Amino acid sequence: MSQGPESALALVDGLGLDSCHVFHAVRADPLRRLGRTEEATGASRAAAALAGNDAERDVPRRNGEALGGPV
């Protein structure tokens, strides 16, 4: 993030960890900072869907709702 949200997003996307809920939760932040709200909400939804328990689902769910969409 020290080089901006675009650089952070490129680094995260390069990891290829699509099956990991943390990947999507982390990805949502630079998307939000870039104003890509719909994609950030989608990343939060993916994180919540892949999470293994309610505690892990809580943060992406709240973040997605804060962006204006149900998660």
N, C-alpha and C. Protein backbone atom coordinates (compact mmCIF):
# COMPACT_ATOMS: atom_id res chain seq x y z
N MET A 1 0.81 -1.19 0.00
CA MET A 1 0.00 0.00 0.00
C MET A 1 0.86 1.26 0.00
N SER A 2 2.11 1.14 0.39
CA SER A 2 2.96 2.32 0.45
C SER A 2 3.16 2.96 -0.91
N GLN A 3 2.93 2.20 -1.97
CA GLN A 3 3.05 2.74 -3.33
C GLN A 3 1.69 2.99 -3.97
N GLY A 4 0.65 2.92 -3.17
CA GLY A 4 -0.68 3.23 -3.64
C GLY A 4 -1.53 1.99 -3.84
N PRO A 5 -2.85 2.21 -3.92
CA PRO A 5 -3.76 1.08 -4.02
C PRO A 5 -3.65 0.29 -5.33
N GLU A 6 -3.27 0.95 -6.42
CA GLU A 6 -3.11 0.21 -7.68
C GLU A 6 -1.98 -0.80 -7.58
N SER A 7 -0.86 -0.39 -7.01
CA SER A 7 0.27 -1.31 -6.82
C SER A 7 -0.09 -2.43 -5.87
N ALA A 8 -0.79 -2.08 -4.80
CA ALA A 8 -1.20 -3.11 -3.84
C ALA A 8 -2.12 -4.13 -4.49
N LEU A 9 -3.07 -3.66 -5.29
CA LEU A 9 -4.00 -4.56 -5.96
C LEU A 9 -3.27 -5.47 -6.93
N ALA A 10 -2.32 -4.93 -7.66
CA ALA A 10 -1.54 -5.74 -8.60
C ALA A 10 -0.77 -6.84 -7.87
N LEU A 11 -0.19 -6.49 -6.72
CA LEU A 11 0.54 -7.50 -5.93
C LEU A 11 -0.39 -8.59 -5.42
N VAL A 12 -1.52 -8.18 -4.88
CA VAL A 12 -2.48 -9.15 -4.34
C VAL A 12 -3.01 -10.03 -5.45
N ASP A 13 -3.40 -9.43 -6.57
CA ASP A 13 -3.94 -10.22 -7.69
C ASP A 13 -2.92 -11.23 -8.22
N GLY A 14 -1.65 -10.90 -8.12
CA GLY A 14 -0.60 -11.79 -8.59
C GLY A 14 -0.40 -13.02 -7.72
N LEU A 15 -1.01 -13.04 -6.55
CA LEU A 15 -0.84 -14.17 -5.64
C LEU A 15 -1.63 -15.41 -6.08
N GLY A 16 -2.74 -15.20 -6.74
CA GLY A 16 -3.54 -16.31 -7.23
C GLY A 16 -4.10 -17.21 -6.14
N LEU A 17 -4.60 -16.60 -5.08
CA LEU A 17 -5.14 -17.37 -3.96
C LEU A 17 -6.66 -17.29 -3.92
N ASP A 18 -7.29 -17.49 -5.05
CA ASP A 18 -8.74 -17.32 -5.17
C ASP A 18 -9.56 -18.16 -4.21
N SER A 19 -9.03 -19.25 -3.73
CA SER A 19 -9.80 -20.13 -2.85
C SER A 19 -9.64 -19.76 -1.36
N CYS A 20 -8.92 -18.71 -1.08
CA CYS A 20 -8.65 -18.30 0.31
C CYS A 20 -9.48 -17.05 0.66
N HIS A 21 -10.24 -17.12 1.74
CA HIS A 21 -11.09 -15.99 2.10
C HIS A 21 -10.28 -14.74 2.43
N VAL A 22 -9.11 -14.89 3.00
CA VAL A 22 -8.29 -13.73 3.36
C VAL A 22 -7.84 -12.98 2.10
N PHE A 23 -7.55 -13.71 1.03
CA PHE A 23 -7.17 -13.09 -0.24
C PHE A 23 -8.24 -12.08 -0.68
N HIS A 24 -9.49 -12.50 -0.66
CA HIS A 24 -10.58 -11.63 -1.10
C HIS A 24 -10.82 -10.47 -0.13
N ALA A 25 -10.66 -10.75 1.16
CA ALA A 25 -10.82 -9.68 2.16
C ALA A 25 -9.75 -8.61 1.98
N VAL A 26 -8.52 -9.03 1.74
CA VAL A 26 -7.42 -8.09 1.52
C VAL A 26 -7.61 -7.33 0.21
N ARG A 27 -8.06 -8.03 -0.81
CA ARG A 27 -8.27 -7.44 -2.13
C ARG A 27 -9.33 -6.34 -2.11
N ALA A 28 -10.32 -6.48 -1.24
CA ALA A 28 -11.42 -5.51 -1.18
C ALA A 28 -10.93 -4.11 -0.80
N ASP A 29 -9.92 -4.01 0.04
CA ASP A 29 -9.47 -2.69 0.50
C ASP A 29 -8.90 -1.82 -0.62
N PRO A 30 -7.93 -2.28 -1.41
CA PRO A 30 -7.46 -1.40 -2.48
C PRO A 30 -8.54 -1.11 -3.53
N LEU A 31 -9.43 -2.07 -3.75
CA LEU A 31 -10.54 -1.81 -4.68
C LEU A 31 -11.40 -0.67 -4.16
N ARG A 32 -11.69 -0.69 -2.87
CA ARG A 32 -12.48 0.39 -2.26
C ARG A 32 -11.75 1.72 -2.38
N ARG A 33 -10.46 1.72 -2.12
CA ARG A 33 -9.67 2.96 -2.18
C ARG A 33 -9.60 3.52 -3.60
N LEU A 34 -9.70 2.63 -4.58
CA LEU A 34 -9.70 3.06 -5.98
C LEU A 34 -11.08 3.49 -6.47
N GLY A 35 -12.08 3.39 -5.60
CA GLY A 35 -13.43 3.79 -5.98
C GLY A 35 -14.16 2.72 -6.76
N ARG A 36 -13.63 1.52 -6.76
CA ARG A 36 -14.24 0.40 -7.49
C ARG A 36 -15.16 -0.36 -6.52
N THR A 37 -16.20 0.36 -6.11
CA THR A 37 -17.08 -0.09 -5.04
C THR A 37 -17.76 -1.42 -5.35
N GLU A 38 -18.25 -1.58 -6.54
CA GLU A 38 -18.95 -2.82 -6.91
C GLU A 38 -18.00 -4.02 -6.81
N GLU A 39 -16.78 -3.85 -7.30
CA GLU A 39 -15.80 -4.94 -7.22
C GLU A 39 -15.38 -5.20 -5.77
N ALA A 40 -15.26 -4.14 -4.98
CA ALA A 40 -14.91 -4.30 -3.57
C ALA A 40 -16.00 -5.05 -2.82
N THR A 41 -17.24 -4.74 -3.13
CA THR A 41 -18.36 -5.46 -2.52
C THR A 41 -18.33 -6.92 -2.93
N GLY A 42 -18.04 -7.19 -4.19
CA GLY A 42 -17.93 -8.57 -4.67
C GLY A 42 -16.81 -9.33 -3.97
N ALA A 43 -15.70 -8.66 -3.75
CA ALA A 43 -14.58 -9.29 -3.04
C ALA A 43 -14.97 -9.59 -1.60
N SER A 44 -15.71 -8.68 -0.97
CA SER A 44 -16.18 -8.92 0.39
C SER A 44 -17.15 -10.09 0.43
N ARG A 45 -18.02 -10.18 -0.57
CA ARG A 45 -18.94 -11.32 -0.65
C ARG A 45 -18.18 -12.63 -0.78
N ALA A 46 -17.17 -12.63 -1.65
CA ALA A 46 -16.36 -13.84 -1.84
C ALA A 46 -15.65 -14.23 -0.56
N ALA A 47 -15.13 -13.25 0.16
CA ALA A 47 -14.45 -13.53 1.43
C ALA A 47 -15.42 -14.15 2.43
N ALA A 48 -16.60 -13.58 2.53
CA ALA A 48 -17.59 -14.10 3.47
C ALA A 48 -18.03 -15.51 3.08
N ALA A 49 -18.19 -15.75 1.79
CA ALA A 49 -18.63 -17.07 1.32
C ALA A 49 -17.58 -18.15 1.58
N LEU A 50 -16.31 -17.79 1.49
CA LEU A 50 -15.24 -18.76 1.66
C LEU A 50 -14.79 -18.94 3.11
N ALA A 51 -15.21 -18.04 3.98
CA ALA A 51 -14.80 -18.11 5.39
C ALA A 51 -15.32 -19.38 6.04
N GLY A 52 -14.54 -19.89 6.97
CA GLY A 52 -14.88 -21.15 7.61
C GLY A 52 -15.80 -21.06 8.80
N ASN A 53 -16.00 -19.86 9.35
CA ASN A 53 -16.87 -19.73 10.52
C ASN A 53 -17.42 -18.31 10.59
N ASP A 54 -18.36 -18.11 11.50
CA ASP A 54 -19.02 -16.81 11.61
C ASP A 54 -18.07 -15.68 11.97
N ALA A 55 -17.09 -15.95 12.81
CA ALA A 55 -16.13 -14.90 13.19
C ALA A 55 -15.34 -14.43 11.97
N GLU A 56 -14.95 -15.35 11.10
CA GLU A 56 -14.21 -14.98 9.89
C GLU A 56 -15.11 -14.29 8.87
N ARG A 57 -16.40 -14.57 8.90
CA ARG A 57 -17.35 -13.96 7.96
C ARG A 57 -17.74 -12.55 8.38
N ASP A 58 -17.62 -12.23 9.66
CA ASP A 58 -18.12 -10.97 10.19
C ASP A 58 -17.47 -9.74 9.57
N VAL A 59 -16.15 -9.71 9.49
CA VAL A 59 -15.46 -8.52 8.98
C VAL A 59 -15.78 -8.26 7.51
N PRO A 60 -15.62 -9.24 6.60
CA PRO A 60 -15.97 -8.92 5.21
C PRO A 60 -17.44 -8.59 5.04
N ARG A 61 -18.29 -9.19 5.84
CA ARG A 61 -19.72 -8.90 5.76
C ARG A 61 -19.97 -7.43 6.14
N ARG A 62 -19.38 -6.97 7.24
CA ARG A 62 -19.54 -5.57 7.66
C ARG A 62 -18.93 -4.62 6.64
N ASN A 63 -17.75 -4.96 6.11
CA ASN A 63 -17.10 -4.09 5.12
C ASN A 63 -17.95 -3.97 3.86
N GLY A 64 -18.50 -5.07 3.40
CA GLY A 64 -19.34 -5.05 2.22
C GLY A 64 -20.61 -4.23 2.45
N GLU A 65 -21.21 -4.38 3.62
CA GLU A 65 -22.40 -3.61 3.94
C GLU A 65 -22.07 -2.12 4.04
N ALA A 66 -20.90 -1.78 4.53
CA ALA A 66 -20.50 -0.38 4.62
C ALA A 66 -20.35 0.24 3.24
N LEU A 67 -20.06 -0.58 2.24
CA LEU A 67 -19.96 -0.08 0.87
C LEU A 67 -21.33 0.09 0.22
N GLY A 68 -22.36 -0.35 0.91
CA GLY A 68 -23.72 -0.13 0.42
C GLY A 68 -24.38 -1.35 -0.18
N GLY A 69 -23.77 -2.50 -0.08
CA GLY A 69 -24.38 -3.69 -0.64
C GLY A 69 -24.52 -4.79 0.37
N PRO A 70 -25.55 -5.61 0.22
CA PRO A 70 -25.67 -6.75 1.13
C PRO A 70 -24.60 -7.79 0.83
N VAL A 71 -24.12 -8.40 1.88
CA VAL A 71 -23.08 -9.42 1.72
C VAL A 71 -23.59 -10.71 2.32
